[in-house]
């Protein structure tokens, strides 16, 4: 009988140790969770100085914002931040410029940028190659812009801005801008116009010799065509060179973006042979020389390219099918380049 008692005590000891182990594990887990939450959500957002401006762009997402912070080693455990956003922040990021003050936690910053009323400044993106109509639509949709003139017809907008041109296309500089909340569309458009005219005047004053432009406005028209024909900066001067030489030779420009612009709302995504044959003021397959106005908002780089075309003999170019264009000087070489392009397209289908 005496030998059975120690065994009972050992069994009882084992049974009472299990809750202790579980309790220890639970406490450790809670401590670890607290550490993770603190280092993720309640850690101070890293800034330089007492305050720093944080720019959120149109279309930015919380996921992208958090990934960027993690990549820059500004936060730990990005998955925790994403879970917090999904559970606790039901709004999307709001474009604008926000003031982050020293001592604000990551959680506080995430909450702040979900409410556009917290923005200190408004970020406005004007993309090169877009049209004046698209610029006006952007301003109309922006809730942080005071709408004074954007509802007016285009000629009335020009009159309100005291701009001495009959058509608004191309007159406003594309770039990323920061304006105070509530800034008027009139002030914004005036600022973009002044910047574009400054870039145009500087480029015109330093232009290459023997350009076939009557004035700087024709150079602006050319810049808009160059802008629409290539997305590669390295090709801007080559494209400009092709069109400048065509003007000098009396050849038609035959550039599709001008046809599209002339079609207006009729353009549905594709150009047909009938479209190329249908005359409009902008159809450079049917008219000689430049169209009457720019066809888009050209960047400063495109304006410079229009003033400084390359010095090659090329008068043709066609897409390669793999990005960029093939530039050639003779029709024979151009036709060969076209066949190469078609072969690339067929291989991808």
Protein backbone atom coordinates (compact mmCIF):
# COMPACT_ATOMS: atom_id res chain seq x y z
CA UNK A 1 0.00 0.00 0.00
CA UNK A 2 2.82 2.38 0.89
CA UNK A 3 4.39 2.07 -2.58
CA UNK A 4 1.24 3.33 -4.38
CA UNK A 5 1.13 6.76 -2.71
CA UNK A 6 4.15 8.32 -4.45
CA UNK A 7 2.71 7.36 -7.82
CA UNK A 8 -0.51 9.22 -7.08
CA UNK A 9 1.46 12.30 -6.10
CA UNK A 10 3.46 12.17 -9.35
CA UNK A 11 0.29 11.90 -11.41
CA UNK A 12 -1.25 14.84 -9.61
CA UNK A 13 1.92 16.87 -10.15
CA UNK A 14 1.83 16.22 -13.89
CA UNK A 15 -1.83 17.23 -14.18
CA UNK A 16 -1.31 20.52 -12.36
CA UNK A 17 1.75 21.42 -14.49
CA UNK A 18 -0.28 21.47 -17.74
CA UNK A 19 -2.33 24.61 -16.89
CA UNK A 20 0.86 26.34 -15.82
CA UNK A 21 2.50 25.56 -19.17
CA UNK A 22 -0.58 26.75 -21.04
CA UNK A 23 -0.78 29.91 -18.94
CA UNK A 24 2.87 30.59 -19.57
CA UNK A 25 2.37 30.12 -23.29
CA UNK A 26 -0.68 32.41 -23.29
CA UNK A 27 1.16 35.12 -21.39
CA UNK A 28 4.12 34.83 -23.76
CA UNK A 29 1.81 35.06 -26.76
CA UNK A 30 0.08 38.16 -25.38
CA UNK A 31 3.42 39.80 -24.68
CA UNK A 32 4.64 38.96 -28.19
CA UNK A 33 1.39 40.25 -29.69
CA UNK A 34 1.73 43.50 -27.74
CA UNK A 35 5.28 43.92 -29.00
CA UNK A 36 4.21 43.30 -32.60
CA UNK A 37 1.25 45.69 -32.32
CA UNK A 38 3.37 48.39 -30.71
CA UNK A 39 6.14 48.13 -33.30
CA UNK A 40 3.55 48.14 -36.08
CA UNK A 41 0.76 50.50 -35.07
CA UNK A 42 1.81 52.54 -32.07
CA UNK A 43 5.44 53.16 -32.99
CA UNK A 44 6.15 56.79 -33.85
CA UNK A 45 6.01 57.50 -37.57
CA UNK A 46 9.62 58.34 -38.55
CA UNK A 47 10.10 61.92 -39.73
CA UNK A 48 12.95 64.41 -39.90
CA UNK A 49 12.40 67.41 -37.66
CA UNK A 50 9.23 68.43 -35.86
CA UNK A 51 6.96 68.02 -38.88
CA UNK A 52 7.10 66.66 -42.41
CA UNK A 53 4.77 66.77 -45.39
CA UNK A 54 3.44 63.45 -46.73
CA UNK A 55 2.16 63.41 -50.33
CA UNK A 56 -0.55 60.93 -51.33
CA UNK A 57 -1.21 60.68 -55.05
CA UNK A 58 -4.43 60.07 -56.90
CA UNK A 59 -4.96 56.32 -57.15
CA UNK A 60 -2.53 55.43 -54.34
CA UNK A 61 -3.67 52.54 -52.12
CA UNK A 62 -3.11 51.59 -48.51
CA UNK A 63 -1.43 48.38 -49.60
CA UNK A 64 1.03 50.25 -51.81
CA UNK A 65 1.60 52.89 -49.13
CA UNK A 66 2.36 50.25 -46.49
CA UNK A 67 4.64 48.30 -48.83
CA UNK A 68 6.57 51.50 -49.55
CA UNK A 69 7.01 52.18 -45.84
CA UNK A 70 8.23 48.61 -45.29
CA UNK A 71 10.67 48.86 -48.20
CA UNK A 72 12.10 52.04 -46.68
CA UNK A 73 12.39 50.30 -43.25
CA UNK A 74 10.02 52.83 -41.71
CA UNK A 75 7.63 50.21 -40.29
CA UNK A 76 7.77 46.64 -39.04
CA UNK A 77 5.27 43.82 -39.67
CA UNK A 78 3.43 45.38 -42.66
CA UNK A 79 0.91 42.52 -42.59
CA UNK A 80 -0.36 43.85 -39.24
CA UNK A 81 -0.86 47.30 -40.74
CA UNK A 82 -2.78 45.83 -43.67
CA UNK A 83 -5.01 43.79 -41.34
CA UNK A 84 -5.65 46.88 -39.22
CA UNK A 85 -6.60 48.87 -42.30
CA UNK A 86 -8.99 46.16 -43.49
CA UNK A 87 -10.68 45.87 -40.08
CA UNK A 88 -10.61 49.43 -38.79
CA UNK A 89 -10.25 51.84 -41.73
CA UNK A 90 -12.99 51.42 -44.28
CA UNK A 91 -12.18 54.44 -46.42
CA UNK A 92 -9.60 54.64 -49.20
CA UNK A 93 -6.52 56.85 -49.28
CA UNK A 94 -7.36 60.42 -50.20
CA UNK A 95 -5.00 62.32 -52.49
CA UNK A 96 -3.41 65.38 -50.97
CA UNK A 97 -0.47 66.60 -48.91
CA UNK A 98 -0.65 65.90 -45.18
CA UNK A 99 1.36 67.28 -42.27
CA UNK A 100 2.87 64.54 -40.10
CA UNK A 101 3.92 65.90 -36.71
CA UNK A 102 6.67 64.52 -34.52
CA UNK A 103 5.34 61.85 -32.18
CA UNK A 104 2.39 60.77 -34.32
CA UNK A 105 2.01 57.00 -34.43
CA UNK A 106 1.80 54.98 -37.60
CA UNK A 107 -1.84 54.24 -36.72
CA UNK A 108 -2.62 57.95 -36.41
CA UNK A 109 -1.03 58.68 -39.77
CA UNK A 110 -3.01 55.89 -41.41
CA UNK A 111 -6.23 57.30 -39.97
CA UNK A 112 -5.32 60.85 -41.00
CA UNK A 113 -4.75 60.08 -44.67
CA UNK A 114 -8.16 58.45 -45.02
CA UNK A 115 -9.87 61.84 -44.55
CA UNK A 116 -9.27 64.48 -47.22
CA UNK A 117 -10.27 67.20 -44.73
CA UNK A 118 -6.94 66.55 -43.02
CA UNK A 119 -4.95 67.43 -46.13
CA UNK A 120 -2.88 70.59 -45.98
CA UNK A 121 -2.37 70.83 -49.73
CA UNK A 122 -3.93 69.29 -52.81
CA UNK A 123 -1.83 67.24 -55.23
CA UNK A 124 -2.83 67.68 -58.87
CA UNK A 125 -1.28 65.46 -61.52
CA UNK A 126 -1.35 66.74 -65.10
CA UNK A 127 0.04 64.00 -67.36
CA UNK A 128 1.98 64.94 -70.49
CA UNK A 129 0.15 64.02 -73.66
CA UNK A 130 -3.32 64.40 -72.17
CA UNK A 131 -5.70 66.94 -73.64
CA UNK A 132 -7.07 70.19 -72.31
CA UNK A 133 -10.49 68.54 -72.02
CA UNK A 134 -8.96 65.85 -69.79
CA UNK A 135 -7.29 68.54 -67.68
CA UNK A 136 -10.62 70.32 -67.19
CA UNK A 137 -12.32 67.03 -66.29
CA UNK A 138 -9.62 66.41 -63.67
CA UNK A 139 -10.22 69.81 -62.09
CA UNK A 140 -13.99 69.36 -62.16
CA UNK A 141 -13.75 66.06 -60.28
CA UNK A 142 -11.34 67.38 -57.65
CA UNK A 143 -13.30 68.17 -54.49
CA UNK A 144 -10.44 70.26 -53.12
CA UNK A 145 -10.57 72.70 -56.05
CA UNK A 146 -12.91 75.70 -56.03
CA UNK A 147 -14.73 75.61 -59.35
CA UNK A 148 -15.01 79.10 -60.79
CA UNK A 149 -14.45 78.73 -64.53
CA UNK A 150 -14.03 75.04 -65.42
CA UNK A 151 -17.74 74.78 -66.23
CA UNK A 152 -17.43 77.45 -68.93
CA UNK A 153 -16.99 76.80 -72.67
CA UNK A 154 -13.32 76.65 -73.66
CA UNK A 155 -13.31 80.04 -75.35
CA UNK A 156 -14.83 81.62 -72.25
CA UNK A 157 -12.15 79.98 -70.10
CA UNK A 158 -9.45 81.56 -72.26
CA UNK A 159 -11.18 84.92 -71.98
CA UNK A 160 -11.41 84.63 -68.18
CA UNK A 161 -7.70 83.79 -68.03
CA UNK A 162 -6.83 86.67 -70.41
CA UNK A 163 -4.98 84.26 -72.71
CA UNK A 164 -4.40 85.68 -76.22
CA UNK A 165 -4.98 82.41 -78.11
CA UNK A 166 -8.16 81.18 -79.73
CA UNK A 167 -7.72 77.51 -78.74
CA UNK A 168 -6.64 76.15 -75.31
CA UNK A 169 -4.90 72.95 -76.42
CA UNK A 170 -1.20 72.71 -75.56
CA UNK A 171 -1.08 75.96 -73.56
CA UNK A 172 -0.85 74.40 -70.10
CA UNK A 173 2.22 72.71 -68.65
CA UNK A 174 1.88 69.07 -67.57
CA UNK A 175 3.54 68.23 -64.25
CA UNK A 176 2.78 67.29 -60.65
CA UNK A 177 1.52 70.31 -58.70
CA UNK A 178 0.70 71.09 -55.09
CA UNK A 179 -1.89 73.75 -54.39
CA UNK A 180 -3.59 74.89 -51.21
CA UNK A 181 -6.91 73.24 -50.43
CA UNK A 182 -9.70 75.26 -51.94
CA UNK A 183 -7.52 76.90 -54.59
CA UNK A 184 -9.59 78.07 -57.56
CA UNK A 185 -9.43 76.38 -60.93
CA UNK A 186 -8.78 79.84 -62.39
CA UNK A 187 -5.61 80.28 -60.34
CA UNK A 188 -4.45 76.74 -61.13
CA UNK A 189 -4.98 77.11 -64.88
CA UNK A 190 -3.29 80.50 -64.91
CA UNK A 191 -0.25 79.04 -63.15
CA UNK A 192 -0.03 76.14 -65.62
CA UNK A 193 -0.33 78.54 -68.54
CA UNK A 194 2.45 80.82 -67.24
CA UNK A 195 4.74 77.82 -66.76
CA UNK A 196 4.10 76.52 -70.28
CA UNK A 197 4.71 79.93 -71.88
CA UNK A 198 7.95 80.30 -69.93
CA UNK A 199 9.17 76.90 -71.15
CA UNK A 200 8.12 77.74 -74.70
CA UNK A 201 9.78 81.18 -74.67
CA UNK A 202 13.05 79.78 -73.31
CA UNK A 203 13.14 76.97 -75.86
CA UNK A 204 12.28 79.33 -78.71
CA UNK A 205 15.05 81.73 -77.73
CA UNK A 206 17.59 78.88 -77.84
CA UNK A 207 16.18 76.99 -80.83
CA UNK A 208 18.28 75.38 -83.53
CA UNK A 209 18.78 77.18 -86.85
CA UNK A 210 16.69 76.59 -89.98
CA UNK A 211 13.54 75.30 -88.34
CA UNK A 212 10.44 75.30 -90.57
CA UNK A 213 8.22 77.08 -88.04
CA UNK A 214 6.67 80.49 -88.66
CA UNK A 215 6.51 81.21 -84.92
CA UNK A 216 6.75 79.61 -81.49
CA UNK A 217 3.09 78.52 -81.63
CA UNK A 218 3.88 76.25 -84.59
CA UNK A 219 6.75 74.85 -82.57
CA UNK A 220 4.26 74.11 -79.78
CA UNK A 221 2.05 72.30 -82.27
CA UNK A 222 5.02 70.17 -83.32
CA UNK A 223 5.90 69.48 -79.67
CA UNK A 224 2.40 68.14 -79.04
CA UNK A 225 2.68 65.76 -82.00
CA UNK A 226 6.10 64.56 -80.87
CA UNK A 227 4.70 64.01 -77.36
CA UNK A 228 1.92 61.79 -78.68
CA UNK A 229 4.13 59.75 -81.02
CA UNK A 230 6.55 58.31 -78.45
CA UNK A 231 6.68 57.63 -74.74
CA UNK A 232 10.46 57.27 -74.76
CA UNK A 233 12.51 60.37 -73.94
CA UNK A 234 15.42 59.08 -76.02
CA UNK A 235 13.22 59.11 -79.14
CA UNK A 236 11.81 62.62 -78.83
CA UNK A 237 14.48 64.32 -80.94
CA UNK A 238 14.39 61.52 -83.52
CA UNK A 239 10.63 61.83 -83.96
CA UNK A 240 10.98 65.61 -84.14
CA UNK A 241 13.68 65.20 -86.79
CA UNK A 242 11.45 63.04 -88.98
CA UNK A 243 8.60 65.56 -88.95
CA UNK A 244 10.86 68.60 -89.37
CA UNK A 245 12.46 67.04 -92.45
CA UNK A 246 9.04 66.15 -93.84
CA UNK A 247 7.94 69.77 -93.49
CA UNK A 248 11.06 70.95 -95.28
CA UNK A 249 10.57 68.41 -98.08
CA UNK A 250 6.90 69.27 -98.51
CA UNK A 251 5.83 65.77 -97.42
CA UNK A 252 2.65 65.28 -95.44
CA UNK A 253 3.24 64.43 -91.79
CA UNK A 254 0.85 61.45 -91.87
CA UNK A 255 0.75 61.03 -88.11
CA UNK A 256 -2.10 59.05 -86.54
CA UNK A 257 -2.47 61.11 -83.31
CA UNK A 258 -3.57 64.12 -85.35
CA UNK A 259 -6.24 62.00 -87.06
CA UNK A 260 -7.49 60.79 -83.67
CA UNK A 261 -7.64 64.33 -82.33
CA UNK A 262 -9.60 65.49 -85.36
CA UNK A 263 -12.10 62.65 -84.91
CA UNK A 264 -12.98 63.88 -81.42
CA UNK A 265 -15.66 61.82 -79.72
CA UNK A 266 -16.04 59.68 -82.85
CA UNK A 267 -12.79 57.91 -82.05
CA UNK A 268 -13.61 54.50 -80.55
CA UNK A 269 -10.12 53.07 -80.09
CA UNK A 270 -9.16 52.13 -83.64
CA UNK A 271 -8.35 54.03 -86.84
CA UNK A 272 -9.71 52.66 -90.11
CA UNK A 273 -8.54 53.37 -93.64
CA UNK A 274 -11.70 55.38 -94.07
CA UNK A 275 -10.68 57.53 -91.09
CA UNK A 276 -7.32 58.22 -92.75
CA UNK A 277 -9.12 59.31 -95.94
CA UNK A 278 -11.75 61.46 -94.23
CA UNK A 279 -10.65 65.11 -94.27
CA UNK A 280 -10.60 67.13 -91.04
CA UNK A 281 -8.60 70.18 -90.07
CA UNK A 282 -6.28 67.82 -88.16
CA UNK A 283 -5.96 64.90 -90.58
CA UNK A 284 -2.32 65.13 -91.64
CA UNK A 285 -2.92 62.39 -94.21
CA UNK A 286 -5.13 64.82 -96.15
CA UNK A 287 -3.69 68.26 -95.27
CA UNK A 288 -0.28 69.74 -95.91
CA UNK A 289 1.89 71.02 -93.09
CA UNK A 290 0.95 71.27 -89.45
CA UNK A 291 -2.57 71.06 -88.02
CA UNK A 292 -4.07 74.37 -86.84
CA UNK A 293 -3.47 73.84 -83.10
CA UNK A 294 -1.62 71.52 -80.74
CA UNK A 295 -3.28 68.16 -80.15
CA UNK A 296 -2.24 67.62 -76.51
CA UNK A 297 -0.35 69.12 -73.58
CA UNK A 298 3.35 68.71 -74.43
CA UNK A 299 6.03 68.39 -71.76
CA UNK A 300 9.06 70.63 -71.53
CA UNK A 301 11.15 67.79 -72.97
CA UNK A 302 8.90 67.55 -76.02
CA UNK A 303 9.09 71.32 -76.52
CA UNK A 304 12.88 71.17 -76.38
CA UNK A 305 12.86 68.29 -78.89
CA UNK A 306 10.70 70.30 -81.29
CA UNK A 307 13.31 73.08 -81.13
CA UNK A 308 16.26 70.68 -81.46
CA UNK A 309 15.46 67.86 -83.92
CA UNK A 310 18.11 65.25 -84.58
CA UNK A 311 20.46 65.68 -87.57
CA UNK A 312 19.91 62.33 -89.28
CA UNK A 313 18.36 61.74 -92.72
CA UNK A 314 15.43 59.71 -91.42
CA UNK A 315 11.98 60.58 -92.74
CA UNK A 316 10.13 57.41 -91.70
CA UNK A 317 9.54 55.52 -88.49
CA UNK A 318 7.40 52.60 -87.40
CA UNK A 319 6.90 50.74 -84.13
CA UNK A 320 9.15 47.74 -83.49
CA UNK A 321 6.46 45.78 -81.69
CA UNK A 322 8.76 45.37 -78.71
CA UNK A 323 8.79 48.97 -77.52
CA UNK A 324 10.22 51.97 -79.32
CA UNK A 325 10.44 52.67 -83.03
CA UNK A 326 12.54 51.86 -86.07
CA UNK A 327 13.75 55.03 -87.87
CA UNK A 328 14.71 54.85 -91.54
CA UNK A 329 15.77 57.19 -94.35
CA UNK A 330 14.38 55.40 -97.43
CA UNK A 331 11.00 53.98 -98.36
CA UNK A 332 12.59 50.61 -99.07
CA UNK A 333 14.07 50.41 -95.58
CA UNK A 334 10.79 51.66 -94.11
CA UNK A 335 8.79 48.94 -95.87
CA UNK A 336 11.23 46.36 -94.55
CA UNK A 337 10.79 47.76 -91.03
CA UNK A 338 7.01 47.55 -91.42
CA UNK A 339 7.29 43.87 -92.37
CA UNK A 340 9.50 43.26 -89.34
CA UNK A 341 6.89 44.92 -87.14
CA UNK A 342 4.08 42.78 -88.62
CA UNK A 343 6.15 39.65 -88.08
CA UNK A 344 6.61 40.54 -84.39
CA UNK A 345 2.87 41.14 -84.01
CA UNK A 346 2.01 37.81 -85.66
CA UNK A 347 4.44 35.98 -83.40
CA UNK A 348 2.64 37.33 -80.35
CA UNK A 349 -0.82 36.23 -81.52
